[in-house]
Amino acid sequence: MTSPTPPAAPIRVLIADDQEMVRSGFRFFLDAQPDMTVVAEAADGETAVRLARELRPDVCLLDIRMPKLDGLEATRLLAGPGVADPLRVVVVTTFDLDEYVYGALRGGACGFLLKDSGPTLLAEAVRAAAAGDSLVSPSVTVRLLRHVTEGSTDMAAASEPVAEARPASATEPLTDRELDVVRLVALGRTNAEIAAELYVSLSTVKTHLSSIQLKLAARNRVEIAAWAWQHGHARPAS
């Protein structure tokens, strides 16, 4: 007789926001999810960084405008390129500004969500981050794609530091299928959605993503999306 599989440990979440009402709302909703638990709250960036380093939550939800240390700097300290053991950070903000999007991506965030996206998308972003995936608010993705289509120099200048990711050499270009995956990543699709759209298995999508990350020297799928935006591979298929 086989023993039952023990339930998976809940996703441990830290919430950092200077508004108590926002923290309470996020906590109420996330604690109600069967696979999540809020382990800490912080009202400023310094406290958020300290608690995150002490508790090592699975996902940190960080607001941008906080006292003492803003969310972008806190993201860089917790998930930036120089961090030996980076945490998974999702930036959640009211302010839909390009400079914040790029600041978050440069700092190592694996997601960018607007507070008005709704609780369902918030939970999806937490689950995606915990699984090593990422989620960017669809409205942000659509605007960035429009900027690329219009050839916005402001967007190009802002995005330059985000990811200099490109194939390691001319002998290792992305395959057509890998470019399909890159395009769907840039459009905000999850791994499951990519698998369904391309009629392949989930494990095949993960294999493609591993190969893409290696070729582009990208740390995560957000940098893959940034590369796609910069190089014209993020437009929806006609």
Protein backbone atom coordinates (compact mmCIF):
# COMPACT_ATOMS: atom_id res chain seq x y z
CA MET A 1 0.00 0.00 0.00
CA THR A 2 1.48 3.33 -1.07
CA SER A 3 1.44 6.26 1.30
CA PRO A 4 -0.37 9.39 0.18
CA THR A 5 1.77 12.12 -1.33
CA PRO A 6 2.30 14.83 1.25
CA PRO A 7 0.89 18.22 0.27
CA ALA A 8 3.37 20.68 -1.18
CA ALA A 9 4.61 23.40 1.15
CA PRO A 10 2.77 26.69 0.63
CA ILE A 11 4.46 29.53 -1.23
CA ARG A 12 5.91 31.89 1.36
CA VAL A 13 5.29 35.53 0.50
CA LEU A 14 6.65 38.82 1.83
CA ILE A 15 4.56 41.97 1.19
CA ALA A 16 6.20 45.41 1.21
CA ASP A 17 4.04 48.51 0.75
CA ASP A 18 3.88 51.78 2.65
CA GLN A 19 0.06 51.68 2.74
CA GLU A 20 -1.36 49.49 5.49
CA MET A 21 -4.63 49.07 3.61
CA VAL A 22 -2.81 47.64 0.59
CA ARG A 23 -0.77 45.25 2.74
CA SER A 24 -3.90 44.09 4.57
CA GLY A 25 -5.77 43.54 1.30
CA PHE A 26 -2.93 41.56 -0.24
CA ARG A 27 -2.49 39.50 2.94
CA PHE A 28 -6.21 38.74 3.19
CA PHE A 29 -6.37 37.53 -0.40
CA LEU A 30 -3.08 35.61 -0.52
CA ASP A 31 -3.60 33.90 2.85
CA ALA A 32 -6.96 32.70 1.52
CA GLN A 33 -5.19 30.82 -1.28
CA PRO A 34 -4.65 27.15 -0.39
CA ASP A 35 -1.06 27.20 -1.71
CA MET A 36 0.17 30.49 -0.21
CA THR A 37 1.02 32.02 3.14
CA VAL A 38 2.19 35.55 3.97
CA VAL A 39 5.23 35.32 6.25
CA ALA A 40 6.05 39.01 6.67
CA GLU A 41 4.97 42.57 5.96
CA ALA A 42 7.07 45.72 5.64
CA ALA A 43 6.10 49.39 5.41
CA ASP A 44 9.43 50.58 3.99
CA GLY A 45 12.20 49.31 1.74
CA GLU A 46 14.87 48.92 4.39
CA THR A 47 12.65 46.68 6.50
CA ALA A 48 11.63 44.71 3.42
CA VAL A 49 15.27 43.97 2.52
CA ARG A 50 16.14 43.00 6.10
CA LEU A 51 13.14 40.69 6.50
CA ALA A 52 13.64 39.15 3.07
CA ARG A 53 17.27 38.32 3.86
CA GLU A 54 16.33 36.88 7.25
CA LEU A 55 13.27 34.86 6.21
CA ARG A 56 14.15 33.97 2.58
CA PRO A 57 10.53 33.99 1.34
CA ASP A 58 9.73 32.28 -1.95
CA VAL A 59 8.35 35.51 -3.41
CA CYS A 60 8.73 39.18 -2.43
CA LEU A 61 5.99 41.60 -3.50
CA LEU A 62 7.51 45.08 -3.50
CA ASP A 63 5.86 48.45 -4.06
CA ILE A 64 8.03 51.08 -5.78
CA ARG A 65 7.38 54.24 -3.81
CA MET A 66 8.33 53.41 -0.22
CA PRO A 67 10.16 55.41 2.47
CA LYS A 68 13.82 54.85 3.44
CA LEU A 69 14.51 52.70 0.38
CA ASP A 70 12.40 52.56 -2.76
CA GLY A 71 11.23 49.32 -4.30
CA LEU A 72 13.59 49.50 -7.28
CA GLU A 73 16.67 49.74 -5.05
CA ALA A 74 15.28 47.03 -2.76
CA THR A 75 14.78 44.83 -5.83
CA ARG A 76 18.39 45.40 -6.90
CA LEU A 77 19.66 44.46 -3.42
CA LEU A 78 17.57 41.27 -3.31
CA ALA A 79 17.64 40.10 -6.93
CA GLY A 80 20.20 42.15 -8.84
CA PRO A 81 23.08 40.83 -10.97
CA GLY A 82 25.56 41.03 -8.09
CA VAL A 83 23.43 39.06 -5.60
CA ALA A 84 24.92 35.63 -4.91
CA ASP A 85 21.63 33.94 -4.00
CA PRO A 86 18.88 36.15 -5.48
CA LEU A 87 15.31 36.10 -4.28
CA ARG A 88 12.30 36.18 -6.56
CA VAL A 89 10.81 39.67 -6.66
CA VAL A 90 7.55 40.86 -8.21
CA VAL A 91 7.16 44.63 -8.37
CA VAL A 92 3.56 45.70 -7.74
CA THR A 93 2.84 49.37 -8.29
CA THR A 94 0.17 51.93 -9.06
CA PHE A 95 2.47 53.78 -11.44
CA ASP A 96 2.49 52.52 -15.03
CA LEU A 97 5.69 54.29 -16.12
CA ASP A 98 8.30 52.95 -18.55
CA GLU A 99 11.15 54.07 -16.29
CA TYR A 100 9.74 51.92 -13.48
CA VAL A 101 9.30 48.90 -15.76
CA TYR A 102 12.90 49.08 -16.95
CA GLY A 103 14.21 49.87 -13.48
CA ALA A 104 12.48 46.76 -12.15
CA LEU A 105 13.83 44.56 -14.96
CA ARG A 106 17.34 45.92 -14.56
CA GLY A 107 17.10 45.22 -10.84
CA GLY A 108 16.31 41.55 -11.41
CA ALA A 109 12.54 41.48 -10.89
CA CYS A 110 10.83 38.44 -12.37
CA GLY A 111 7.48 40.19 -12.66
CA PHE A 112 5.87 43.61 -12.94
CA LEU A 113 2.24 44.03 -11.95
CA LEU A 114 -0.09 46.99 -11.67
CA LYS A 115 -2.18 47.17 -8.51
CA ASP A 116 -5.37 47.53 -10.53
CA SER A 117 -4.69 44.22 -12.32
CA GLY A 118 -6.91 42.45 -9.80
CA PRO A 119 -6.43 39.69 -7.22
CA THR A 120 -6.49 36.81 -9.70
CA LEU A 121 -3.53 38.17 -11.65
CA LEU A 122 -1.74 38.85 -8.35
CA ALA A 123 -2.03 35.20 -7.37
CA GLU A 124 -0.90 34.12 -10.85
CA ALA A 125 2.15 36.38 -10.58
CA VAL A 126 3.10 34.88 -7.20
CA ARG A 127 2.72 31.33 -8.51
CA ALA A 128 4.68 32.15 -11.66
CA ALA A 129 7.53 33.70 -9.68
CA ALA A 130 7.67 30.77 -7.26
CA ALA A 131 7.88 28.38 -10.22
CA GLY A 132 10.75 30.31 -11.80
CA ASP A 133 8.42 31.84 -14.35
CA SER A 134 7.38 35.47 -14.69
CA LEU A 135 4.36 37.60 -15.34
CA VAL A 136 4.20 41.16 -16.62
CA SER A 137 0.92 43.08 -16.65
CA PRO A 138 -0.62 42.69 -20.12
CA SER A 139 -1.21 46.45 -20.42
CA VAL A 140 2.52 47.06 -19.86
CA THR A 141 3.51 44.47 -22.45
CA VAL A 142 1.11 45.87 -25.03
CA ARG A 143 2.41 49.42 -24.56
CA LEU A 144 6.03 48.34 -24.88
CA LEU A 145 5.22 46.42 -28.04
CA ARG A 146 3.57 49.51 -29.46
CA HIS A 147 6.66 51.58 -28.66
CA VAL A 148 8.85 49.08 -30.51
CA THR A 149 6.51 49.10 -33.52
CA GLU A 150 6.57 52.90 -33.60
CA GLY A 151 10.37 52.96 -33.22
CA SER A 152 10.31 55.02 -30.04
CA THR A 153 13.83 56.30 -29.39
CA ASP A 154 12.91 57.02 -25.79
CA MET A 155 12.00 53.40 -25.26
CA ALA A 156 15.18 52.22 -26.97
CA ALA A 157 17.32 54.47 -24.82
CA ALA A 158 15.56 53.35 -21.67
CA SER A 159 15.77 49.67 -22.55
CA GLU A 160 19.43 49.58 -23.52
CA PRO A 161 20.69 48.69 -20.02
CA VAL A 162 17.91 46.18 -19.39
CA ALA A 163 19.39 43.30 -21.31
CA GLU A 164 22.24 43.27 -23.75
CA ALA A 165 21.22 39.67 -24.31
CA ARG A 166 21.84 38.37 -27.79
CA PRO A 167 22.96 35.02 -29.27
CA ALA A 168 26.42 34.15 -28.00
CA SER A 169 27.76 33.94 -31.56
CA ALA A 170 26.58 33.90 -35.15
CA THR A 171 26.98 30.13 -35.12
CA GLU A 172 24.29 29.80 -32.46
CA PRO A 173 21.23 31.61 -33.78
CA LEU A 174 17.84 30.90 -32.29
CA THR A 175 15.90 28.26 -34.19
CA ASP A 176 12.52 29.09 -35.71
CA ARG A 177 10.79 27.22 -32.91
CA GLU A 178 12.84 29.03 -30.28
CA LEU A 179 11.84 32.34 -31.87
CA ASP A 180 8.20 31.22 -31.62
CA VAL A 181 8.72 30.63 -27.91
CA VAL A 182 10.52 33.99 -27.52
CA ARG A 183 7.62 35.80 -29.19
CA LEU A 184 5.06 34.19 -26.89
CA VAL A 185 7.17 34.90 -23.81
CA ALA A 186 7.27 38.56 -24.84
CA LEU A 187 3.50 38.56 -25.22
CA GLY A 188 3.18 37.46 -21.59
CA ARG A 189 2.18 33.85 -22.16
CA THR A 190 2.81 31.28 -19.43
CA ASN A 191 4.62 28.02 -20.18
CA ALA A 192 1.30 26.16 -20.28
CA GLU A 193 -0.17 28.69 -22.74
CA ILE A 194 2.93 28.47 -24.94
CA ALA A 195 2.66 24.67 -24.98
CA ALA A 196 -1.01 24.84 -25.97
CA GLU A 197 -0.46 27.44 -28.68
CA LEU A 198 2.52 25.61 -30.23
CA TYR A 199 0.99 22.13 -29.77
CA VAL A 200 3.98 20.82 -27.82
CA SER A 201 4.46 19.42 -24.32
CA LEU A 202 5.24 21.52 -21.27
CA SER A 203 8.62 19.81 -20.94
CA THR A 204 9.44 20.76 -24.56
CA VAL A 205 8.69 24.41 -23.78
CA LYS A 206 10.99 24.27 -20.76
CA THR A 207 13.74 22.70 -22.88
CA HIS A 208 13.40 25.49 -25.46
CA LEU A 209 13.51 28.13 -22.71
CA SER A 210 16.70 26.66 -21.25
CA SER A 211 18.35 26.74 -24.68
CA ILE A 212 17.14 30.31 -25.31
CA GLN A 213 18.45 31.54 -21.96
CA LEU A 214 21.84 30.00 -22.72
CA LYS A 215 22.06 31.53 -26.19
CA LEU A 216 20.91 34.98 -25.06
CA ALA A 217 22.80 34.95 -21.76
CA ALA A 218 19.45 35.86 -20.19
CA ARG A 219 18.96 35.33 -16.46
CA ASN A 220 15.19 34.87 -16.70
CA ARG A 221 12.26 35.05 -19.09
CA VAL A 222 11.80 38.76 -18.43
CA GLU A 223 15.20 39.37 -20.04
CA ILE A 224 14.15 37.08 -22.89
CA ALA A 225 11.12 39.33 -23.40
CA ALA A 226 13.31 42.43 -23.24
CA TRP A 227 15.56 40.97 -25.96
CA ALA A 228 12.48 40.21 -28.07
CA TRP A 229 11.21 43.78 -27.73
CA GLN A 230 14.59 45.18 -28.71
CA HIS A 231 15.08 42.92 -31.72
CA GLY A 232 11.62 42.93 -33.27
CA HIS A 233 10.52 39.43 -32.23
CA ALA A 234 7.63 40.49 -29.98
CA ARG A 235 4.91 41.23 -32.48
CA PRO A 236 1.82 39.01 -32.45
CA ALA A 237 1.73 36.46 -35.24
CA SER A 238 -0.37 37.65 -38.20
